[in-house]
Protein backbone atom coordinates (compact mmCIF):
# COMPACT_ATOMS: atom_id res chain seq x y z
CA UNK A 1 -38.43 31.62 36.18
CA UNK A 2 -40.48 31.20 39.37
CA UNK A 3 -41.72 27.81 38.19
CA UNK A 4 -38.14 26.66 37.66
CA UNK A 5 -37.11 27.86 41.13
CA UNK A 6 -40.04 26.06 42.73
CA UNK A 7 -39.25 22.89 40.79
CA UNK A 8 -35.59 23.06 41.85
CA UNK A 9 -36.52 23.62 45.52
CA UNK A 10 -39.11 20.82 45.44
CA UNK A 11 -36.57 18.46 43.87
CA UNK A 12 -34.07 19.20 46.64
CA UNK A 13 -36.69 18.63 49.32
CA UNK A 14 -37.85 15.45 47.62
CA UNK A 15 -34.31 14.08 47.50
CA UNK A 16 -33.92 14.90 51.18
CA UNK A 17 -37.18 13.33 52.30
CA UNK A 18 -37.04 10.18 50.17
CA UNK A 19 -33.95 8.82 51.90
CA UNK A 20 -34.61 7.54 55.42
CA UNK A 21 -32.36 9.16 57.99
CA UNK A 22 -31.76 9.21 61.71
CA UNK A 23 -33.94 11.75 63.60
CA UNK A 24 -31.07 14.12 64.35
CA UNK A 25 -30.19 14.14 60.64
CA UNK A 26 -33.67 15.19 59.51
CA UNK A 27 -34.28 18.79 58.47
CA UNK A 28 -35.98 19.71 61.78
CA UNK A 29 -33.29 17.85 63.72
CA UNK A 30 -30.42 19.66 61.99
CA UNK A 31 -32.16 23.02 62.47
CA UNK A 32 -32.63 22.46 66.21
CA UNK A 33 -29.06 21.24 66.71
CA UNK A 34 -27.54 24.19 64.84
CA UNK A 35 -29.59 26.60 66.97
CA UNK A 36 -28.41 24.86 70.15
CA UNK A 37 -24.79 25.04 69.01
CA UNK A 38 -25.17 28.79 68.38
CA UNK A 39 -27.04 29.43 71.64
CA UNK A 40 -23.95 30.47 73.71
CA UNK A 41 -23.59 33.55 71.50
CA UNK A 42 -26.93 34.82 72.81
CA UNK A 43 -25.15 35.54 76.11
CA UNK A 44 -22.58 37.95 74.68
CA UNK A 45 -22.36 41.21 72.77
CA UNK A 46 -18.82 40.70 71.52
CA UNK A 47 -18.20 37.00 70.70
CA UNK A 48 -15.35 35.90 73.02
CA UNK A 49 -13.23 34.32 70.30
CA UNK A 50 -9.63 35.49 70.20
CA UNK A 51 -9.53 37.23 66.79
CA UNK A 52 -13.12 38.55 66.67
CA UNK A 53 -12.35 41.93 68.33
CA UNK A 54 -9.60 42.35 65.72
CA UNK A 55 -12.09 41.70 62.93
CA UNK A 56 -14.46 44.27 64.47
CA UNK A 57 -11.72 46.86 64.75
CA UNK A 58 -10.81 46.32 61.09
CA UNK A 59 -14.49 46.65 60.13
CA UNK A 60 -14.62 49.99 61.96
CA UNK A 61 -11.66 51.21 59.90
CA UNK A 62 -13.31 50.07 56.66
CA UNK A 63 -16.56 51.82 57.59
CA UNK A 64 -14.85 55.12 58.54
CA UNK A 65 -16.13 58.07 56.53
CA UNK A 66 -14.71 61.62 56.05
CA UNK A 67 -14.37 63.33 59.39
CA UNK A 68 -13.73 60.11 61.30
CA UNK A 69 -10.45 60.37 63.28
CA UNK A 70 -9.54 56.83 62.17
CA UNK A 71 -8.76 58.16 58.71
CA UNK A 72 -5.80 60.07 60.17
CA UNK A 73 -4.27 56.80 61.26
CA UNK A 74 -5.39 54.16 58.76
CA UNK A 75 -6.57 53.63 55.23
CA UNK A 76 -8.38 50.64 53.75
CA UNK A 77 -7.75 49.13 50.34
CA UNK A 78 -9.97 46.36 49.00
CA UNK A 79 -7.79 43.83 47.18
CA UNK A 80 -8.47 40.58 45.37
CA UNK A 81 -7.26 38.09 47.94
CA UNK A 82 -8.40 34.67 49.09
CA UNK A 83 -9.09 35.82 52.64
CA UNK A 84 -11.97 38.31 52.59
CA UNK A 85 -15.13 36.37 53.46
CA UNK A 86 -15.57 37.82 56.94
CA UNK A 87 -14.77 41.35 55.77
CA UNK A 88 -17.37 41.23 53.00
CA UNK A 89 -20.00 39.72 55.30
CA UNK A 90 -19.28 42.32 58.00
CA UNK A 91 -19.61 45.13 55.45
CA UNK A 92 -22.96 43.83 54.18
CA UNK A 93 -24.38 43.46 57.69
CA UNK A 94 -22.70 46.54 59.13
CA UNK A 95 -24.10 48.82 56.46
CA UNK A 96 -27.59 48.16 57.84
CA UNK A 97 -27.12 47.27 61.50
CA UNK A 98 -23.73 48.65 62.61
CA UNK A 99 -20.31 47.17 63.27
CA UNK A 100 -21.17 45.61 66.63
CA UNK A 101 -24.10 43.69 65.12
CA UNK A 102 -21.97 42.79 62.10
CA UNK A 103 -19.31 41.19 64.29
CA UNK A 104 -21.90 39.20 66.22
CA UNK A 105 -23.93 38.03 63.24
CA UNK A 106 -20.85 37.20 61.16
CA UNK A 107 -19.62 34.92 63.92
CA UNK A 108 -23.00 33.25 64.46
CA UNK A 109 -23.59 32.69 60.74
CA UNK A 110 -20.12 31.23 60.26
CA UNK A 111 -20.60 28.92 63.27
CA UNK A 112 -24.04 27.85 62.06
CA UNK A 113 -22.72 27.06 58.58
CA UNK A 114 -19.84 25.08 60.09
CA UNK A 115 -22.14 22.96 62.25
CA UNK A 116 -24.88 22.71 59.62
CA UNK A 117 -22.41 21.76 56.90
CA UNK A 118 -21.03 19.00 59.11
CA UNK A 119 -24.51 17.55 59.72
CA UNK A 120 -25.59 17.97 56.08
CA UNK A 121 -22.52 16.06 54.90
CA UNK A 122 -23.26 13.23 57.32
CA UNK A 123 -26.90 13.32 56.22
CA UNK A 124 -26.23 12.78 52.52
CA UNK A 125 -23.43 10.22 52.85
CA UNK A 126 -24.31 8.33 56.02
CA UNK A 127 -28.04 8.85 56.78
CA UNK A 128 -28.63 5.49 58.48
CA UNK A 129 -25.26 5.05 60.17
CA UNK A 130 -24.48 8.58 61.35
CA UNK A 131 -24.63 7.78 65.06
CA UNK A 132 -21.27 9.53 65.42
CA UNK A 133 -22.77 12.92 64.51
CA UNK A 134 -22.70 14.22 68.14
CA UNK A 135 -19.04 13.22 68.33
CA UNK A 136 -18.32 15.09 65.10
CA UNK A 137 -19.97 18.24 66.48
CA UNK A 138 -17.44 18.33 69.34
CA UNK A 139 -15.07 19.85 66.79
CA UNK A 140 -17.23 22.88 66.03
CA UNK A 141 -15.92 24.67 69.13
CA UNK A 142 -12.32 23.69 68.43
CA UNK A 143 -9.08 25.55 67.73
CA UNK A 144 -10.11 27.38 64.51
CA UNK A 145 -13.40 28.74 65.88
CA UNK A 146 -12.19 29.50 69.40
CA UNK A 147 -9.22 31.35 67.87
CA UNK A 148 -11.68 33.36 65.79
CA UNK A 149 -10.51 32.39 62.30
CA UNK A 150 -13.84 33.59 60.88
CA UNK A 151 -12.79 33.65 57.22
CA UNK A 152 -11.70 30.02 57.46
CA UNK A 153 -14.77 28.88 59.40
CA UNK A 154 -17.07 30.65 56.94
CA UNK A 155 -15.29 29.13 53.93
CA UNK A 156 -15.27 25.66 55.47
CA UNK A 157 -18.96 25.87 56.32
CA UNK A 158 -19.76 26.93 52.76
CA UNK A 159 -17.58 24.11 51.40
CA UNK A 160 -19.33 21.48 53.52
CA UNK A 161 -22.77 22.80 52.58
CA UNK A 162 -21.91 22.93 48.87
CA UNK A 163 -20.39 19.44 49.01
CA UNK A 164 -23.56 18.06 50.62
CA UNK A 165 -25.72 19.82 48.01
CA UNK A 166 -23.54 18.43 45.21
CA UNK A 167 -24.09 14.89 46.49
CA UNK A 168 -27.88 15.49 46.59
CA UNK A 169 -27.82 16.69 43.01
CA UNK A 170 -25.79 13.88 41.46
CA UNK A 171 -28.80 12.74 39.42
CA UNK A 172 -29.08 16.31 38.05
CA UNK A 173 -25.61 16.85 36.52
CA UNK A 174 -26.29 20.30 35.04
CA UNK A 175 -27.62 21.75 38.28
CA UNK A 176 -24.80 20.09 40.24
CA UNK A 177 -22.16 21.52 37.90
CA UNK A 178 -23.68 25.01 38.10
CA UNK A 179 -23.68 24.80 41.90
CA UNK A 180 -20.01 23.79 42.08
CA UNK A 181 -18.84 26.30 39.49
CA UNK A 182 -20.41 29.12 41.55
CA UNK A 183 -19.65 27.78 45.04
CA UNK A 184 -15.93 27.16 44.58
CA UNK A 185 -14.85 30.75 43.81
CA UNK A 186 -17.11 32.07 46.58
CA UNK A 187 -15.64 29.68 49.15
CA UNK A 188 -12.08 30.33 47.92
CA UNK A 189 -12.56 34.10 48.21
CA UNK A 190 -13.70 33.60 51.80
CA UNK A 191 -10.52 31.69 52.60
CA UNK A 192 -8.09 29.78 50.38
CA UNK A 193 -7.70 26.68 52.56
CA UNK A 194 -11.35 26.48 53.61
CA UNK A 195 -12.44 26.89 49.98
CA UNK A 196 -9.94 24.30 48.79
CA UNK A 197 -11.72 21.73 50.95
CA UNK A 198 -14.72 21.75 48.58
CA UNK A 199 -12.67 20.45 45.66
CA UNK A 200 -10.86 17.98 47.90
CA UNK A 201 -14.14 16.54 49.27
CA UNK A 202 -15.79 16.28 45.86
CA UNK A 203 -12.74 14.51 44.41
CA UNK A 204 -12.37 12.20 47.41
CA UNK A 205 -16.04 11.23 47.30
CA UNK A 206 -15.90 10.41 43.57
CA UNK A 207 -12.64 8.45 43.86
CA UNK A 208 -13.81 6.60 46.97
CA UNK A 209 -16.97 5.47 45.21
CA UNK A 210 -14.96 4.01 42.33
CA UNK A 211 -12.65 2.18 44.74
CA UNK A 212 -15.71 0.67 46.47
CA UNK A 213 -16.84 -0.71 43.11
CA UNK A 214 -13.64 -2.69 42.64
CA UNK A 215 -13.76 -6.40 43.51
CA UNK A 216 -12.83 -7.50 47.03
CA UNK A 217 -9.11 -7.90 47.58
CA UNK A 218 -8.16 -5.55 44.74
CA UNK A 219 -5.30 -4.21 46.78
CA UNK A 220 -3.40 -7.54 46.73
CA UNK A 221 -0.54 -7.56 44.16
CA UNK A 222 -1.72 -10.96 42.94
CA UNK A 223 -5.01 -9.36 41.81
CA UNK A 224 -3.55 -6.43 39.89
CA UNK A 225 -3.20 -8.18 36.53
CA UNK A 226 -6.78 -9.48 36.62
CA UNK A 227 -7.95 -6.06 37.75
CA UNK A 228 -6.15 -4.41 34.82
CA UNK A 229 -7.70 -6.77 32.30
CA UNK A 230 -11.25 -7.02 33.63
CA UNK A 231 -12.06 -3.45 34.67
CA UNK A 232 -13.55 -0.97 32.21
CA UNK A 233 -11.08 1.80 32.97
CA UNK A 234 -12.50 4.02 30.26
CA UNK A 235 -15.92 3.96 31.94
CA UNK A 236 -14.33 4.66 35.32
CA UNK A 237 -12.43 7.64 33.89
CA UNK A 238 -15.65 8.94 32.28
CA UNK A 239 -17.58 8.76 35.57
CA UNK A 240 -14.77 10.52 37.41
CA UNK A 241 -14.61 13.21 34.72
CA UNK A 242 -18.36 13.87 34.92
CA UNK A 243 -18.19 14.28 38.71
CA UNK A 244 -14.93 16.24 38.88
CA UNK A 245 -14.73 18.51 35.81
CA UNK A 246 -16.47 21.42 37.64
CA UNK A 247 -13.46 21.50 39.96
CA UNK A 248 -11.64 23.44 37.25
CA UNK A 249 -13.33 26.48 38.84
CA UNK A 250 -10.89 26.18 41.75
CA UNK A 251 -7.92 26.22 39.37
CA UNK A 252 -9.32 29.26 37.53
CA UNK A 253 -9.86 31.09 40.84
CA UNK A 254 -6.26 30.47 41.91
CA UNK A 255 -4.93 31.66 38.53
CA UNK A 256 -7.02 34.84 38.71
CA UNK A 257 -5.77 35.45 42.23
CA UNK A 258 -2.17 35.10 41.08
CA UNK A 259 -2.68 37.61 38.26
CA UNK A 260 -5.09 40.11 39.87
CA UNK A 261 -4.00 40.31 43.49
CA UNK A 262 -1.16 42.51 44.68
CA UNK A 263 2.14 40.87 45.49
CA UNK A 264 1.49 38.48 48.36
CA UNK A 265 3.35 38.72 51.62
CA UNK A 266 6.83 37.36 51.24
CA UNK A 267 7.76 34.88 53.92
CA UNK A 268 9.25 31.45 54.23
CA UNK A 269 6.81 28.57 54.26
CA UNK A 270 7.51 26.73 57.49
CA UNK A 271 6.60 23.25 58.67
CA UNK A 272 6.33 23.27 62.46
CA UNK A 273 6.29 19.54 63.17
CA UNK A 274 6.22 20.02 66.94
CA UNK A 275 3.15 22.24 66.48
CA UNK A 276 1.40 19.58 64.40
CA UNK A 277 1.98 17.02 67.15
CA UNK A 278 0.87 19.37 69.93
CA UNK A 279 -2.44 20.17 68.27
CA UNK A 280 -3.63 16.61 68.61
CA UNK A 281 -3.78 17.59 72.29
CA UNK A 282 -4.76 21.26 71.92
CA UNK A 283 -7.40 21.28 69.20
CA UNK A 284 -10.22 20.93 71.77
CA UNK A 285 -8.54 23.14 74.39
CA UNK A 286 -11.21 25.29 76.05
CA UNK A 287 -11.99 25.68 79.75
CA UNK A 288 -11.16 22.46 81.59
CA UNK A 289 -8.05 20.32 81.11
CA UNK A 290 -9.91 17.31 82.51
CA UNK A 291 -13.00 17.67 80.29
CA UNK A 292 -11.06 18.64 77.17
CA UNK A 293 -8.52 15.87 77.65
CA UNK A 294 -11.20 13.25 78.23
CA UNK A 295 -13.13 14.43 75.16
CA UNK A 296 -10.02 14.34 72.99
CA UNK A 297 -9.07 10.84 74.12
CA UNK A 298 -12.63 9.56 73.62
CA UNK A 299 -12.93 11.05 70.11
CA UNK A 300 -9.59 9.73 68.89
CA UNK A 301 -10.29 6.34 70.46
CA UNK A 302 -13.60 6.15 68.59
CA UNK A 303 -11.85 7.01 65.31
CA UNK A 304 -9.08 4.47 65.80
CA UNK A 305 -10.94 1.64 67.53
CA UNK A 306 -14.58 2.11 66.53
CA UNK A 307 -14.23 -0.89 64.20
CA UNK A 308 -13.88 -3.10 67.28
CA UNK A 309 -17.42 -2.05 68.22
CA UNK A 310 -18.72 -2.71 64.72
CA UNK A 311 -18.29 0.66 62.98
CA UNK A 312 -17.33 0.44 59.32
CA UNK A 313 -15.98 2.76 56.65
CA UNK A 314 -16.32 2.38 52.94
CA UNK A 315 -13.79 4.22 50.85
CA UNK A 316 -16.48 6.71 49.84
CA UNK A 317 -17.07 7.52 53.52
CA UNK A 318 -13.53 7.31 54.84
CA UNK A 319 -11.49 8.87 52.05
CA UNK A 320 -12.71 12.50 52.51
CA UNK A 321 -11.63 12.61 56.15
CA UNK A 322 -8.42 10.69 55.42
CA UNK A 323 -7.36 13.10 52.66
CA UNK A 324 -8.09 16.14 54.84
CA UNK A 325 -5.93 14.57 57.56
CA UNK A 326 -3.11 13.89 55.09
CA UNK A 327 -3.34 17.51 53.95
CA UNK A 328 -3.01 18.57 57.60
CA UNK A 329 0.20 16.51 57.84
CA UNK A 330 1.67 17.68 54.53
CA UNK A 331 0.80 21.39 54.36
CA UNK A 332 3.16 24.03 55.79
CA UNK A 333 2.24 25.57 59.13
CA UNK A 334 2.98 29.14 57.95
CA UNK A 335 2.26 30.28 54.39
CA UNK A 336 2.96 33.83 53.14
CA UNK A 337 2.32 35.61 56.40
CA UNK A 338 -0.59 33.42 57.50
CA UNK A 339 0.05 31.28 60.59
CA UNK A 340 -1.58 28.09 61.92
CA UNK A 341 -2.63 27.05 58.42
CA UNK A 342 -2.26 23.33 59.04
CA UNK A 343 -3.87 22.96 62.46
CA UNK A 344 -7.12 24.42 61.14
CA UNK A 345 -7.59 21.25 59.09
CA UNK A 346 -7.38 18.75 61.94
CA UNK A 347 -10.88 19.45 63.37
CA UNK A 348 -12.45 19.04 59.91
CA UNK A 349 -10.68 15.70 59.42
CA UNK A 350 -11.96 14.54 62.82
CA UNK A 351 -15.49 15.75 62.01
CA UNK A 352 -15.58 13.70 58.83
CA UNK A 353 -13.94 10.60 60.29
CA UNK A 354 -16.36 10.53 63.23
CA UNK A 355 -19.52 11.53 61.38
CA UNK A 356 -18.98 9.18 58.44
CA UNK A 357 -18.30 6.07 60.50
CA UNK A 358 -21.10 3.69 59.50
CA UNK A 359 -22.85 2.23 62.55
CA UNK A 360 -25.83 0.86 60.64
CA UNK A 361 -24.54 -2.73 60.69
CA UNK A 362 -24.28 -3.00 64.50
CA UNK A 363 -27.13 -3.68 66.88
CA UNK A 364 -29.60 -0.85 67.39
CA UNK A 365 -28.88 -0.74 71.12
CA UNK A 366 -25.13 -0.39 70.64
CA UNK A 367 -25.48 2.28 67.96
CA UNK A 368 -27.90 4.23 70.14
CA UNK A 369 -25.52 4.02 73.10
CA UNK A 370 -22.75 5.51 70.95
CA UNK A 371 -25.07 8.35 69.92
CA UNK A 372 -26.40 8.95 73.45
CA UNK A 373 -22.92 9.02 75.02
CA UNK A 374 -21.81 11.46 72.34
CA UNK A 375 -24.90 13.64 72.85
CA UNK A 376 -24.36 13.76 76.63
CA UNK A 377 -20.71 14.70 76.23
CA UNK A 378 -21.59 17.29 73.58
CA UNK A 379 -24.33 18.73 75.82
CA UNK A 380 -21.88 18.98 78.72
CA UNK A 381 -19.37 20.81 76.57
CA UNK A 382 -22.02 23.22 75.27
CA UNK A 383 -23.12 24.03 78.83
CA UNK A 384 -19.49 24.67 79.83
CA UNK A 385 -19.02 26.81 76.71
CA UNK A 386 -22.15 28.84 77.47
CA UNK A 387 -21.02 29.42 81.07
CA UNK A 388 -17.58 30.47 79.86
CA UNK A 389 -19.15 32.90 77.37
CA UNK A 390 -21.01 34.58 80.23
CA UNK A 391 -17.72 34.84 82.17
CA UNK A 392 -15.86 36.24 79.17
CA UNK A 393 -18.64 38.78 78.56
CA UNK A 394 -18.30 40.03 82.14
CA UNK A 395 -14.51 40.20 81.82
CA UNK A 396 -14.74 42.06 78.49
CA UNK A 397 -17.04 44.65 80.08
CA UNK A 398 -14.56 45.22 82.90
CA UNK A 399 -11.57 45.49 80.56
CA UNK A 400 -13.36 47.80 78.13
CA UNK A 401 -14.37 50.18 80.91
CA UNK A 402 -10.86 51.61 80.43
CA UNK A 403 -12.10 53.19 77.21
CA UNK A 404 -14.36 55.54 79.19
CA UNK A 405 -11.12 57.35 80.10
CA UNK A 406 -9.83 57.56 76.51
CA UNK A 407 -10.53 60.67 74.44
CA UNK A 408 -12.04 59.93 71.00
CA UNK A 409 -9.48 59.98 68.20
CA UNK A 410 -6.54 59.33 70.53
CA UNK A 411 -3.48 57.17 69.97
CA UNK A 412 -3.43 54.11 72.24
CA UNK A 413 -0.37 51.91 72.54
CA UNK A 414 -1.57 48.58 73.90
CA UNK A 415 0.24 45.63 75.43
CA UNK A 416 -1.63 42.48 76.37
CA UNK A 417 -0.26 39.52 78.22
CA UNK A 418 -0.51 36.55 75.87
CA UNK A 419 -1.66 33.49 77.78
CA UNK A 420 0.49 30.37 77.74
CA UNK A 421 -0.01 26.76 78.82
CA UNK A 422 2.63 27.02 81.52
CA UNK A 423 0.27 29.33 83.43
CA UNK A 424 -3.24 28.26 82.49
CA UNK A 425 -5.11 25.78 80.31
CA UNK A 426 -7.94 28.31 79.96
CA UNK A 427 -7.22 31.08 77.47
CA UNK A 428 -8.13 34.62 78.56
CA UNK A 429 -9.06 35.54 74.95
CA UNK A 430 -8.00 39.16 75.46
CA UNK A 431 -5.31 38.98 72.78
CA UNK A 432 -6.99 41.44 70.39
CA UNK A 433 -9.36 43.20 72.79
CA UNK A 434 -7.46 46.46 72.24
CA UNK A 435 -8.77 46.62 68.64
CA UNK A 436 -12.17 47.62 70.04
CA UNK A 437 -10.63 51.02 70.85
CA UNK A 438 -10.96 51.70 67.12
CA UNK A 439 -14.64 50.80 67.26
CA UNK A 440 -15.66 52.54 70.49
CA UNK A 441 -13.25 55.50 70.49
CA UNK A 442 -12.15 55.83 66.84
CA UNK A 443 -8.64 55.53 68.25
CA UNK A 444 -5.38 54.38 66.74
CA UNK A 445 -4.11 51.17 68.30
CA UNK A 446 -1.14 48.96 67.44
CA UNK A 447 -3.24 45.78 67.33
CA UNK A 448 -4.39 45.61 63.70
CA UNK A 449 -3.38 43.01 61.14
CA UNK A 450 -1.52 44.72 58.32
CA UNK A 451 0.31 42.09 56.26
CA UNK A 452 0.57 43.37 52.63
CA UNK A 453 -1.33 41.19 50.17
CA UNK A 454 -3.18 39.44 52.97
CA UNK A 455 -4.94 42.21 54.91
CA UNK A 456 -6.54 45.43 53.73
CA UNK A 457 -5.76 47.74 56.66
CA UNK A 458 -2.89 50.10 55.79
CA UNK A 459 -1.38 51.99 58.76
CA UNK A 460 -0.69 55.66 58.14
CA UNK A 461 0.55 56.49 61.61
CA UNK A 462 3.70 54.54 62.45
CA UNK A 463 5.07 55.56 65.84
CA UNK A 464 7.91 53.08 65.70
CA UNK A 465 9.28 50.37 63.45
CA UNK A 466 8.11 47.52 65.65
CA UNK A 467 5.07 49.17 67.22
CA UNK A 468 2.69 49.66 64.32
CA UNK A 469 0.63 46.46 63.92
CA UNK A 470 0.08 42.95 65.23
CA UNK A 471 1.92 41.25 66.97
CA UNK A 472 3.55 44.30 68.56
CA UNK A 473 0.90 44.20 71.32
CA UNK A 474 1.94 40.80 72.71
CA UNK A 475 3.94 40.42 75.89
CA UNK A 476 4.38 37.36 78.10
CA UNK A 477 4.65 36.75 81.81
CA UNK A 478 7.88 35.59 83.36
CA UNK A 479 6.37 32.11 83.86
CA UNK A 480 6.19 31.54 80.09
CA UNK A 481 9.22 29.69 78.73
CA UNK A 482 11.30 30.57 81.74
CA UNK A 483 10.99 34.30 81.17
CA UNK A 484 12.81 34.23 77.82
CA UNK A 485 9.95 35.96 75.97
CA UNK A 486 9.31 39.70 75.79
CA UNK A 487 7.90 41.06 79.04
CA UNK A 488 5.91 44.23 79.54
CA UNK A 489 8.99 45.93 81.02
CA UNK A 490 11.05 45.09 77.94
CA UNK A 491 8.29 46.33 75.65
CA UNK A 492 7.93 49.63 77.53
CA UNK A 493 11.70 50.14 77.52
CA UNK A 494 11.71 50.47 73.72
CA UNK A 495 8.15 51.74 73.16
CA UNK A 496 7.63 55.13 71.44
CA UNK A 497 5.69 56.48 74.41
CA UNK A 498 6.30 60.11 73.45
CA UNK A 499 4.29 59.62 70.23
CA UNK A 500 1.06 58.27 71.77
CA UNK A 501 -1.61 59.58 74.14
CA UNK A 502 -2.28 56.47 76.23
CA UNK A 503 -0.61 53.20 77.16
CA UNK A 504 -3.09 50.40 77.85
CA UNK A 505 -1.75 47.37 79.69
CA UNK A 506 -4.18 44.43 79.59
CA UNK A 507 -3.61 41.75 82.24
CA UNK A 508 0.10 42.54 82.56
CA UNK A 509 0.17 43.85 86.11
CA UNK A 510 2.09 46.96 87.14
CA UNK A 511 5.47 47.26 85.38
CA UNK A 512 8.49 46.88 87.65
CA UNK A 513 9.94 50.17 86.44
CA UNK A 514 7.08 52.45 85.28
CA UNK A 515 8.03 55.23 82.91
CA UNK A 516 7.87 58.64 84.60
CA UNK A 517 5.76 59.95 81.71
CA UNK A 518 2.90 57.55 82.51
CA UNK A 519 0.08 58.74 84.74
CA UNK A 520 -2.33 56.06 85.96
CA UNK A 521 -5.94 56.96 85.13
CA UNK A 522 -7.68 53.57 85.44
CA UNK A 523 -7.08 50.14 86.92
CA UNK A 524 -9.06 46.89 86.97
CA UNK A 525 -7.15 44.06 88.61
CA UNK A 526 -3.98 43.47 86.60
CA UNK A 527 -5.05 45.80 83.77
CA UNK A 528 -4.07 49.46 83.75
CA UNK A 529 -4.51 52.55 81.58
CA UNK A 530 -1.93 55.32 81.63
CA UNK A 531 -2.20 58.79 80.14
CA UNK A 532 1.05 60.03 78.64
CA UNK A 533 2.16 63.39 79.98
CA UNK A 534 5.10 65.22 78.39
CA UNK A 535 8.04 65.82 80.69
CA UNK A 536 8.95 69.22 79.19
CA UNK A 537 11.26 71.61 81.01
CA UNK A 538 10.56 73.35 84.33
CA UNK A 539 9.79 77.06 84.33
CA UNK A 540 12.53 78.68 86.44
CA UNK A 541 10.80 82.00 87.01
CA UNK A 542 11.51 83.49 90.47
CA UNK A 543 7.95 83.10 91.73
CA UNK A 544 8.32 79.37 91.28
CA UNK A 545 11.36 79.22 93.60
C-alpha cells in the first residue's frame, strides 16, 4: 500500500515537473503566492468578512454541551444538505483548538484553496502563457470571499484543485476517475453551486479540446456537410465519454440529496437582472472606489481586448470561463432561501478568462509587462486589504467591548445598520457581528441563519414573529433609498423588548425616541448597549410619598 502511494505521489510530481512553466506557476511559486494572499489574516483574530461572525456563532451553538445556556435558546440538527462544508470543517478544527481558531483556520484554508486552485488550473492548462495569473488572483478577494460565503469558497477551491488534478492525471484514466468520483460529492456537500463547477469545468475542458481538433473554419455553414462526412464522430463521442463518465457522481449526489434531505426551503426562484448588471461594478468592491474601479476596468478590458495585444484563447482554454459566465447570466439570483447565488460565479468566470489567456505567442517583453503590471496592481490591492484588516480588527475590538457588560446566558436583541452605497463605498462588515455574543457570552441573539432545509440552527426561543433570526437584525440609515427602508426607530417600535435582557445597537446612533425601558450601559461612537429594565408598578406605600 505504501509503495502504491509513493508511486502515485511520484507520478504526480513527475507530471508537474516535466512540463515547463512560468516561475510563478511552479510549485514553490504557487506556495509563496498562496501564503502572500493569506497573509492579511495574520493581522486579525476574527476574519473581517461579513458572514464569518455568523458562522462562528453557529459553530458555538453546534458545540454547546449540556449545561450551556445556549441550549435553552437553540438546538442544532445535522441534515444532509449541499451547504455544510464550512460547518464540518469548523467542527473538525474546533474540537481540538476551539471555535475562535476554527473560524480563523476555516477562512484561511478556504481562501488558500481558492487561490491555489486558481493557480493550479492555470498551471496545468496554460503553463507557458499564464502571464495573466496575477490578474486572475485579483478575484480572490472579491464579492464571495469578502461577503464571507465560506461554504461556496471552500467548494469552489476544492473544485478548482480537483479539476487541475484531473487534467494532470489524464494519462492515468483509472486514477483520474477515482479522483473525480470522490471529489464531486465532497465538493457538492460543501456547497451545491461551488461543487457543480467541477463537473462544468471537466465537461468544458473535454468539449473544448474536441472543438480545437476540428478543421479551421468548421463553424462556417458551407463546411458543415464536409465536417459531417469526414469526422469520426464515434471516436469523438468515445473520447468525450471516457473523460466525462465520472461526472455521473454529481447526478447521484443531487439525487441522494433530493431523497435524503429534509424538505428544502420553499421560496420563489428569482432572477434579479439589475443585480446581475450591478455586480460587474461591485464584484471587486472593497476599500477604495478609485482603486476598485480602476482594477475592474483594467481586468475587463484585458478580457475583452487582450487579443489586440496578442493574447489568444483556444476553445479548451476559453470554454471553461465562458460557460461559467453563461451560468452566471442564466442562473436565478435567489434559489430556495439562498441569496446572491448568481453573483458568486462572476469572479470565477473572470479568474478563468484572465488566467487562461495564452500570452505565449507574443514577444517576451510584452508578456512580461502584462505580468508585471498585474503583479504590481495585485500587490497594491493586497497591501490595501492588509491595512483594512488591521482597521477592521481594531473596530471589532471596540464593538465587542459591549459584551463585557452582558451577563452570560442573556437574551440580546441586536440591530445593526446595514451599509449601503449611497453612504459609503467601504463596507463596515459589522452585519453579523452580533452573532459573536453566542460565542463569547453564550447568549441568545436574533442574528442566526435559520432557514429550514438550508441551515441547521433551530431557534427555540422566539420572542416575536419577525425577531427570531436573520435578517431581523438589519436596519438602514435615512440616507439609504431616501429613507424608505426600516430604520432603527421603526424596528424598536415593534420589537419585543419586554422579552429580552439587552438591546444592542451597532452603528445606528441614538434612536430619536428611545424606549423608556432601555437603560444605557455602554456606548462606543454610534454603537450603544441598553439593559432592559421592567417598568412595573410603583409602590404607593405612605413612606414613599
